[in-house]
């Protein structure tokens, strides 16, 4: 693992955006695996700014997102498609026909997951996968478990994940209890992985991911086995390392 220390979230976001933009400049038809949540928002802001200044071109890029809530249509303001459109898609020249997320409106879990695995395979896999890190060590919505799931699957979200996400909803009861997520096996097949981690509340999880045993009870620990992982973290997130 290559760990890059930054002094704060702004510097973290800029460094992560630099890594992503370099990927696109060097390989204009890259397949980018994208993440949602608060961690990558600053990264997307930098990418939008640099696109608008003419520094990076997304016209040949394909994107595949990590996850989507089950039961939310794309138009729902808390869907991850809505999030991506608001923070990135509508602000840059990505081809809408090449931006993919699991279909949260498909209630047949087996079909939704199989369809998404076919999409990822069809685009040739992921060149650079962007990840955040949950307080319980989850990556994507791969929650602590007894095994590492391989392909796209439907997960029952843990209480801690629901609690972390309820700030985005009007009521805790409105937070979806299930989600479709890219599997650990798919994430690990990405050629490069970029993890952004910010805040003291992530410090223990980051320590366990980097220095603890590799175990499905700490899903992100599997990244120790990937040959090309870069973690960009601020001082607070690295405070227990």
C-alpha atoms as a PDB file:
ATOM      1  CA  UNK A   1       0.000   0.000   0.000  1.00  0.00           C
ATOM      2  CA  UNK A   2       1.103   3.522  -0.787  1.00  0.00           C
ATOM      3  CA  UNK A   3      -0.192   5.892   1.905  1.00  0.00           C
ATOM      4  CA  UNK A   4      -0.247   9.627   1.166  1.00  0.00           C
ATOM      5  CA  UNK A   5      -0.718  11.894   4.173  1.00  0.00           C
ATOM      6  CA  UNK A   6      -2.442  15.252   3.690  1.00  0.00           C
ATOM      7  CA  UNK A   7      -3.048  17.965   6.238  1.00  0.00           C
ATOM      8  CA  UNK A   8      -6.793  18.290   5.677  1.00  0.00           C
ATOM      9  CA  UNK A   9      -9.783  17.273   3.568  1.00  0.00           C
ATOM     10  CA  UNK A  10      -9.202  19.919   0.906  1.00  0.00           C
ATOM     11  CA  UNK A  11      -5.665  18.735   0.259  1.00  0.00           C
ATOM     12  CA  UNK A  12      -6.838  15.122   0.320  1.00  0.00           C
ATOM     13  CA  UNK A  13      -9.462  15.901  -2.321  1.00  0.00           C
ATOM     14  CA  UNK A  14      -7.003  17.701  -4.548  1.00  0.00           C
ATOM     15  CA  UNK A  15      -4.476  14.873  -4.374  1.00  0.00           C
ATOM     16  CA  UNK A  16      -7.121  12.238  -5.155  1.00  0.00           C
ATOM     17  CA  UNK A  17      -8.398  14.298  -8.092  1.00  0.00           C
ATOM     18  CA  UNK A  18      -4.830  14.594  -9.381  1.00  0.00           C
ATOM     19  CA  UNK A  19      -4.517  10.801  -9.402  1.00  0.00           C
ATOM     20  CA  UNK A  20      -7.826  10.344 -11.234  1.00  0.00           C
ATOM     21  CA  UNK A  21      -7.143  13.076 -13.792  1.00  0.00           C
ATOM     22  CA  UNK A  22      -3.697  11.610 -14.481  1.00  0.00           C
ATOM     23  CA  UNK A  23      -5.350   8.245 -15.157  1.00  0.00           C
ATOM     24  CA  UNK A  24      -7.727   9.836 -17.668  1.00  0.00           C
ATOM     25  CA  UNK A  25      -5.005  11.880 -19.364  1.00  0.00           C
ATOM     26  CA  UNK A  26      -2.755   8.826 -19.759  1.00  0.00           C
ATOM     27  CA  UNK A  27      -5.632   6.547 -20.836  1.00  0.00           C
ATOM     28  CA  UNK A  28      -8.502   8.637 -22.242  1.00  0.00           C
ATOM     29  CA  UNK A  29     -10.803   5.604 -22.563  1.00  0.00           C
ATOM     30  CA  UNK A  30     -10.339   4.552 -18.941  1.00  0.00           C
ATOM     31  CA  UNK A  31     -13.003   2.696 -17.000  1.00  0.00           C
ATOM     32  CA  UNK A  32     -13.372   4.505 -13.677  1.00  0.00           C
ATOM     33  CA  UNK A  33     -15.012   2.843 -10.704  1.00  0.00           C
ATOM     34  CA  UNK A  34     -16.713   5.605  -8.732  1.00  0.00           C
ATOM     35  CA  UNK A  35     -17.900   5.970  -5.147  1.00  0.00           C
ATOM     36  CA  UNK A  36     -20.533   8.033  -3.363  1.00  0.00           C
ATOM     37  CA  UNK A  37     -20.864   9.385   0.167  1.00  0.00           C
ATOM     38  CA  UNK A  38     -19.212  12.412   1.720  1.00  0.00           C
ATOM     39  CA  UNK A  39     -15.587  11.300   1.222  1.00  0.00           C
ATOM     40  CA  UNK A  40     -15.295  11.789  -2.582  1.00  0.00           C
ATOM     41  CA  UNK A  41     -17.376  14.977  -2.875  1.00  0.00           C
ATOM     42  CA  UNK A  42     -14.332  17.253  -2.748  1.00  0.00           C
ATOM     43  CA  UNK A  43     -12.542  15.067  -5.281  1.00  0.00           C
ATOM     44  CA  UNK A  44     -15.430  15.443  -7.717  1.00  0.00           C
ATOM     45  CA  UNK A  45     -15.451  19.219  -7.187  1.00  0.00           C
ATOM     46  CA  UNK A  46     -11.830  19.430  -8.273  1.00  0.00           C
ATOM     47  CA  UNK A  47     -12.454  17.216 -11.313  1.00  0.00           C
ATOM     48  CA  UNK A  48     -15.392  19.410 -12.372  1.00  0.00           C
ATOM     49  CA  UNK A  49     -13.290  22.554 -11.941  1.00  0.00           C
ATOM     50  CA  UNK A  50     -10.425  21.150 -13.972  1.00  0.00           C
ATOM     51  CA  UNK A  51     -12.778  19.989 -16.726  1.00  0.00           C
ATOM     52  CA  UNK A  52     -14.308  23.450 -16.929  1.00  0.00           C
ATOM     53  CA  UNK A  53     -10.820  24.915 -17.239  1.00  0.00           C
ATOM     54  CA  UNK A  54     -10.059  22.511 -20.088  1.00  0.00           C
ATOM     55  CA  UNK A  55      -7.485  20.476 -18.188  1.00  0.00           C
ATOM     56  CA  UNK A  56      -9.181  17.069 -18.411  1.00  0.00           C
ATOM     57  CA  UNK A  57     -11.506  15.466 -20.963  1.00  0.00           C
ATOM     58  CA  UNK A  58     -14.004  12.756 -19.954  1.00  0.00           C
ATOM     59  CA  UNK A  59     -15.568  12.217 -23.372  1.00  0.00           C
ATOM     60  CA  UNK A  60     -14.159   8.685 -23.813  1.00  0.00           C
ATOM     61  CA  UNK A  61     -14.366   7.599 -20.170  1.00  0.00           C
ATOM     62  CA  UNK A  62     -16.704   4.861 -18.925  1.00  0.00           C
ATOM     63  CA  UNK A  63     -17.848   4.833 -15.297  1.00  0.00           C
ATOM     64  CA  UNK A  64     -19.207   2.040 -13.109  1.00  0.00           C
ATOM     65  CA  UNK A  65     -20.380   2.933  -9.636  1.00  0.00           C
ATOM     66  CA  UNK A  66     -19.872   0.775  -6.582  1.00  0.00           C
ATOM     67  CA  UNK A  67     -23.425   0.576  -5.347  1.00  0.00           C
ATOM     68  CA  UNK A  68     -27.033   1.714  -5.256  1.00  0.00           C
ATOM     69  CA  UNK A  69     -29.827   1.497  -2.719  1.00  0.00           C
ATOM     70  CA  UNK A  70     -32.340  -1.238  -3.474  1.00  0.00           C
ATOM     71  CA  UNK A  71     -35.824   0.163  -3.924  1.00  0.00           C
ATOM     72  CA  UNK A  72     -34.876   3.698  -4.944  1.00  0.00           C
ATOM     73  CA  UNK A  73     -35.512   4.802  -8.542  1.00  0.00           C
ATOM     74  CA  UNK A  74     -32.876   6.917 -10.243  1.00  0.00           C
ATOM     75  CA  UNK A  75     -35.003  10.034  -9.849  1.00  0.00           C
ATOM     76  CA  UNK A  76     -35.109   9.763  -6.042  1.00  0.00           C
ATOM     77  CA  UNK A  77     -33.059  12.567  -4.525  1.00  0.00           C
ATOM     78  CA  UNK A  78     -31.206  10.105  -2.265  1.00  0.00           C
ATOM     79  CA  UNK A  79     -30.379   7.588  -4.986  1.00  0.00           C
ATOM     80  CA  UNK A  80     -26.727   7.289  -5.842  1.00  0.00           C
ATOM     81  CA  UNK A  81     -27.476   8.045  -9.486  1.00  0.00           C
ATOM     82  CA  UNK A  82     -28.946  11.360  -8.340  1.00  0.00           C
ATOM     83  CA  UNK A  83     -25.839  11.935  -6.209  1.00  0.00           C
ATOM     84  CA  UNK A  84     -23.486  11.249  -9.115  1.00  0.00           C
ATOM     85  CA  UNK A  85     -25.494  13.424 -11.486  1.00  0.00           C
ATOM     86  CA  UNK A  86     -25.491  16.282  -8.975  1.00  0.00           C
ATOM     87  CA  UNK A  87     -21.794  16.087  -8.088  1.00  0.00           C
ATOM     88  CA  UNK A  88     -20.174  14.975 -11.365  1.00  0.00           C
ATOM     89  CA  UNK A  89     -22.138  13.638 -14.327  1.00  0.00           C
ATOM     90  CA  UNK A  90     -24.020  16.761 -15.388  1.00  0.00           C
ATOM     91  CA  UNK A  91     -20.982  19.024 -14.959  1.00  0.00           C
ATOM     92  CA  UNK A  92     -18.514  17.214 -17.231  1.00  0.00           C
ATOM     93  CA  UNK A  93     -18.587  15.704 -20.713  1.00  0.00           C
ATOM     94  CA  UNK A  94     -19.160  12.087 -19.710  1.00  0.00           C
ATOM     95  CA  UNK A  95     -21.293  10.171 -22.205  1.00  0.00           C
ATOM     96  CA  UNK A  96     -24.536   9.282 -20.330  1.00  0.00           C
ATOM     97  CA  UNK A  97     -24.643   5.992 -22.245  1.00  0.00           C
ATOM     98  CA  UNK A  98     -21.355   5.017 -20.566  1.00  0.00           C
ATOM     99  CA  UNK A  99     -22.239   5.842 -16.947  1.00  0.00           C
ATOM    100  CA  UNK A 100     -23.431   2.756 -15.074  1.00  0.00           C
ATOM    101  CA  UNK A 101     -24.842   1.994 -11.636  1.00  0.00           C
ATOM    102  CA  UNK A 102     -26.742  -1.019 -10.303  1.00  0.00           C
ATOM    103  CA  UNK A 103     -30.464  -0.720 -11.021  1.00  0.00           C
ATOM    104  CA  UNK A 104     -31.986   0.095  -7.645  1.00  0.00           C
ATOM    105  CA  UNK A 105     -35.504  -0.033  -9.061  1.00  0.00           C
ATOM    106  CA  UNK A 106     -35.080  -3.736  -9.958  1.00  0.00           C
ATOM    107  CA  UNK A 107     -36.555  -5.631  -7.009  1.00  0.00           C
ATOM    108  CA  UNK A 108     -35.377  -9.025  -8.299  1.00  0.00           C
ATOM    109  CA  UNK A 109     -31.997  -9.077  -6.559  1.00  0.00           C
ATOM    110  CA  UNK A 110     -30.573 -11.965  -8.558  1.00  0.00           C
ATOM    111  CA  UNK A 111     -31.414 -10.250 -11.847  1.00  0.00           C
ATOM    112  CA  UNK A 112     -30.114  -6.831 -10.751  1.00  0.00           C
ATOM    113  CA  UNK A 113     -26.803  -8.309  -9.622  1.00  0.00           C
ATOM    114  CA  UNK A 114     -26.309 -10.535 -12.661  1.00  0.00           C
ATOM    115  CA  UNK A 115     -27.122  -7.633 -14.976  1.00  0.00           C
ATOM    116  CA  UNK A 116     -24.545  -5.404 -13.304  1.00  0.00           C
ATOM    117  CA  UNK A 117     -21.846  -8.067 -13.394  1.00  0.00           C
ATOM    118  CA  UNK A 118     -22.452  -8.390 -17.132  1.00  0.00           C
ATOM    119  CA  UNK A 119     -22.082  -4.638 -17.566  1.00  0.00           C
ATOM    120  CA  UNK A 120     -18.767  -4.553 -15.694  1.00  0.00           C
ATOM    121  CA  UNK A 121     -17.464  -7.507 -17.682  1.00  0.00           C
ATOM    122  CA  UNK A 122     -18.692  -5.931 -20.913  1.00  0.00           C
ATOM    123  CA  UNK A 123     -16.709  -2.737 -20.401  1.00  0.00           C
ATOM    124  CA  UNK A 124     -13.561  -4.752 -19.744  1.00  0.00           C
ATOM    125  CA  UNK A 125     -13.246  -4.307 -15.992  1.00  0.00           C
ATOM    126  CA  UNK A 126     -12.104  -1.309 -13.971  1.00  0.00           C
ATOM    127  CA  UNK A 127      -8.866   0.583 -14.582  1.00  0.00           C
ATOM    128  CA  UNK A 128      -9.028   2.753 -11.451  1.00  0.00           C
ATOM    129  CA  UNK A 129     -11.445   2.129  -8.583  1.00  0.00           C
ATOM    130  CA  UNK A 130     -12.195   4.978  -6.166  1.00  0.00           C
ATOM    131  CA  UNK A 131     -13.225   3.901  -2.667  1.00  0.00           C
ATOM    132  CA  UNK A 132     -14.213   5.468   0.603  1.00  0.00           C
ATOM    133  CA  UNK A 133     -13.993   3.599   3.901  1.00  0.00           C
ATOM    134  CA  UNK A 134     -16.829   3.039   6.345  1.00  0.00           C
ATOM    135  CA  UNK A 135     -16.420   3.354  10.092  1.00  0.00           C
ATOM    136  CA  UNK A 136     -16.874  -0.419  10.314  1.00  0.00           C
ATOM    137  CA  UNK A 137     -14.342  -1.019   7.543  1.00  0.00           C
ATOM    138  CA  UNK A 138     -16.812  -1.502   4.728  1.00  0.00           C
ATOM    139  CA  UNK A 139     -15.873  -0.720   1.120  1.00  0.00           C
ATOM    140  CA  UNK A 140     -18.764  -0.167  -1.218  1.00  0.00           C
ATOM    141  CA  UNK A 141     -21.585  -1.699   0.775  1.00  0.00           C
ATOM    142  CA  UNK A 142     -19.542  -4.808   1.539  1.00  0.00           C
ATOM    143  CA  UNK A 143     -20.332  -4.964   5.238  1.00  0.00           C
ATOM    144  CA  UNK A 144     -18.492  -7.049   7.868  1.00  0.00           C
ATOM    145  CA  UNK A 145     -19.319 -10.687   7.166  1.00  0.00           C
ATOM    146  CA  UNK A 146     -18.077 -14.238   7.514  1.00  0.00           C
ATOM    147  CA  UNK A 147     -16.698 -14.287   3.964  1.00  0.00           C
ATOM    148  CA  UNK A 148     -15.597 -11.995   1.128  1.00  0.00           C
ATOM    149  CA  UNK A 149     -18.344 -11.782  -1.496  1.00  0.00           C
ATOM    150  CA  UNK A 150     -17.093 -12.024  -5.065  1.00  0.00           C
ATOM    151  CA  UNK A 151     -19.564 -10.461  -7.492  1.00  0.00           C
ATOM    152  CA  UNK A 152     -22.361  -7.928  -7.269  1.00  0.00           C
ATOM    153  CA  UNK A 153     -24.761  -8.865  -4.496  1.00  0.00           C
ATOM    154  CA  UNK A 154     -27.597  -7.549  -2.363  1.00  0.00           C
ATOM    155  CA  UNK A 155     -26.648  -6.690   1.211  1.00  0.00           C
ATOM    156  CA  UNK A 156     -28.604  -5.970   4.343  1.00  0.00           C
ATOM    157  CA  UNK A 157     -27.091  -2.775   5.711  1.00  0.00           C
ATOM    158  CA  UNK A 158     -25.750  -2.804   9.243  1.00  0.00           C
ATOM    159  CA  UNK A 159     -27.082  -0.534  11.976  1.00  0.00           C
ATOM    160  CA  UNK A 160     -23.903   1.578  11.894  1.00  0.00           C
ATOM    161  CA  UNK A 161     -24.185   2.144   8.142  1.00  0.00           C
ATOM    162  CA  UNK A 162     -27.863   3.040   8.405  1.00  0.00           C
ATOM    163  CA  UNK A 163     -27.011   5.465  11.219  1.00  0.00           C
ATOM    164  CA  UNK A 164     -24.238   7.052   9.144  1.00  0.00           C
ATOM    165  CA  UNK A 165     -26.593   7.520   6.181  1.00  0.00           C
ATOM    166  CA  UNK A 166     -29.734   8.662   7.972  1.00  0.00           C
ATOM    167  CA  UNK A 167     -28.561  12.294   7.949  1.00  0.00           C
ATOM    168  CA  UNK A 168     -29.400  12.341   4.257  1.00  0.00           C
ATOM    169  CA  UNK A 169     -33.034  11.311   4.807  1.00  0.00           C
ATOM    170  CA  UNK A 170     -36.008  13.035   6.431  1.00  0.00           C
ATOM    171  CA  UNK A 171     -36.431  10.199   8.919  1.00  0.00           C
ATOM    172  CA  UNK A 172     -34.375   7.175  10.010  1.00  0.00           C
ATOM    173  CA  UNK A 173     -37.280   5.018   8.829  1.00  0.00           C
ATOM    174  CA  UNK A 174     -36.760   6.319   5.292  1.00  0.00           C
ATOM    175  CA  UNK A 175     -33.218   4.930   4.999  1.00  0.00           C
ATOM    176  CA  UNK A 176     -33.216   1.834   2.753  1.00  0.00           C
ATOM    177  CA  UNK A 177     -32.236  -1.355   4.555  1.00  0.00           C
ATOM    178  CA  UNK A 178     -30.757  -3.071   1.497  1.00  0.00           C
ATOM    179  CA  UNK A 179     -28.392  -2.127  -1.302  1.00  0.00           C
ATOM    180  CA  UNK A 180     -26.782  -3.625  -4.378  1.00  0.00           C
ATOM    181  CA  UNK A 181     -23.015  -3.455  -4.249  1.00  0.00           C
ATOM    182  CA  UNK A 182     -20.042  -4.391  -6.379  1.00  0.00           C
ATOM    183  CA  UNK A 183     -18.390  -7.398  -4.785  1.00  0.00           C
ATOM    184  CA  UNK A 184     -14.988  -7.618  -3.153  1.00  0.00           C
ATOM    185  CA  UNK A 185     -13.793  -9.854  -5.978  1.00  0.00           C
ATOM    186  CA  UNK A 186     -14.740  -7.240  -8.587  1.00  0.00           C
ATOM    187  CA  UNK A 187     -13.073  -4.465  -6.597  1.00  0.00           C
ATOM    188  CA  UNK A 188      -9.904  -6.504  -6.246  1.00  0.00           C
ATOM    189  CA  UNK A 189      -9.764  -7.101 -10.003  1.00  0.00           C
ATOM    190  CA  UNK A 190      -9.441  -3.350 -10.640  1.00  0.00           C
ATOM    191  CA  UNK A 191      -5.995  -2.530 -11.991  1.00  0.00           C
ATOM    192  CA  UNK A 192      -5.544   0.327  -9.511  1.00  0.00           C
ATOM    193  CA  UNK A 193      -7.395   1.254  -6.328  1.00  0.00           C
ATOM    194  CA  UNK A 194      -7.578   4.710  -4.768  1.00  0.00           C
ATOM    195  CA  UNK A 195      -8.978   5.066  -1.234  1.00  0.00           C
ATOM    196  CA  UNK A 196      -9.881   8.432   0.281  1.00  0.00           C
ATOM    197  CA  UNK A 197     -10.276   8.601   4.068  1.00  0.00           C
ATOM    198  CA  UNK A 198     -10.975  11.684   6.151  1.00  0.00           C
ATOM    199  CA  UNK A 199     -11.711  12.330   9.805  1.00  0.00           C
ATOM    200  CA  UNK A 200     -10.872  10.936  13.202  1.00  0.00           C
ATOM    201  CA  UNK A 201     -14.017   8.778  13.197  1.00  0.00           C
ATOM    202  CA  UNK A 202     -12.372   6.679  10.447  1.00  0.00           C
ATOM    203  CA  UNK A 203      -8.994   6.392  12.200  1.00  0.00           C
ATOM    204  CA  UNK A 204      -9.538   3.032  13.891  1.00  0.00           C
ATOM    205  CA  UNK A 205     -10.983   1.474  10.738  1.00  0.00           C
ATOM    206  CA  UNK A 206      -8.048   2.752   8.672  1.00  0.00           C
ATOM    207  CA  UNK A 207      -5.551   1.365  11.185  1.00  0.00           C
ATOM    208  CA  UNK A 208      -7.267  -2.032  11.073  1.00  0.00           C
ATOM    209  CA  UNK A 209      -7.414  -2.024   7.268  1.00  0.00           C
ATOM    210  CA  UNK A 210      -3.716  -1.227   6.908  1.00  0.00           C
ATOM    211  CA  UNK A 211      -2.155  -2.943   9.921  1.00  0.00           C
ATOM    212  CA  UNK A 212      -4.617  -5.521  11.193  1.00  0.00           C
ATOM    213  CA  UNK A 213      -5.288  -9.084  10.038  1.00  0.00           C
ATOM    214  CA  UNK A 214      -7.027  -9.669   6.712  1.00  0.00           C
ATOM    215  CA  UNK A 215     -10.523 -10.738   7.670  1.00  0.00           C
ATOM    216  CA  UNK A 216     -14.038 -10.377   6.235  1.00  0.00           C
ATOM    217  CA  UNK A 217     -15.070  -8.871   9.556  1.00  0.00           C
ATOM    218  CA  UNK A 218     -13.001  -5.838   8.400  1.00  0.00           C
ATOM    219  CA  UNK A 219     -13.787  -5.881   4.662  1.00  0.00           C
ATOM    220  CA  UNK A 220     -11.291  -3.204   3.641  1.00  0.00           C
ATOM    221  CA  UNK A 221      -8.420  -5.291   5.013  1.00  0.00           C
ATOM    222  CA  UNK A 222      -8.529  -7.339   1.801  1.00  0.00           C
ATOM    223  CA  UNK A 223      -6.831  -4.376   0.108  1.00  0.00           C
ATOM    224  CA  UNK A 224      -3.561  -5.508   1.706  1.00  0.00           C
ATOM    225  CA  UNK A 225      -3.484  -8.190  -0.997  1.00  0.00           C
ATOM    226  CA  UNK A 226      -3.916  -5.819  -3.957  1.00  0.00           C
ATOM    227  CA  UNK A 227      -0.704  -4.919  -5.841  1.00  0.00           C
ATOM    228  CA  UNK A 228      -1.569  -1.260  -6.544  1.00  0.00           C
ATOM    229  CA  UNK A 229      -3.447   0.539  -3.754  1.00  0.00           C
ATOM    230  CA  UNK A 230      -3.020   4.203  -2.911  1.00  0.00           C
ATOM    231  CA  UNK A 231      -4.610   5.545   0.256  1.00  0.00           C
ATOM    232  CA  UNK A 232      -4.960   9.310   0.533  1.00  0.00           C
ATOM    233  CA  UNK A 233      -5.821  10.250   4.115  1.00  0.00           C
ATOM    234  CA  UNK A 234      -5.779  13.380   6.221  1.00  0.00           C
ATOM    235  CA  UNK A 235      -3.940  13.725   9.507  1.00  0.00           C
ATOM    236  CA  UNK A 236      -7.052  12.978  11.558  1.00  0.00           C
ATOM    237  CA  UNK A 237      -7.731   9.702   9.757  1.00  0.00           C
ATOM    238  CA  UNK A 238      -4.093   8.685  10.217  1.00  0.00           C
ATOM    239  CA  UNK A 239      -3.999   9.601  13.903  1.00  0.00           C
ATOM    240  CA  UNK A 240      -3.953   5.975  15.085  1.00  0.00           C
ATOM    241  CA  UNK A 241      -1.412   4.672  12.627  1.00  0.00           C
END
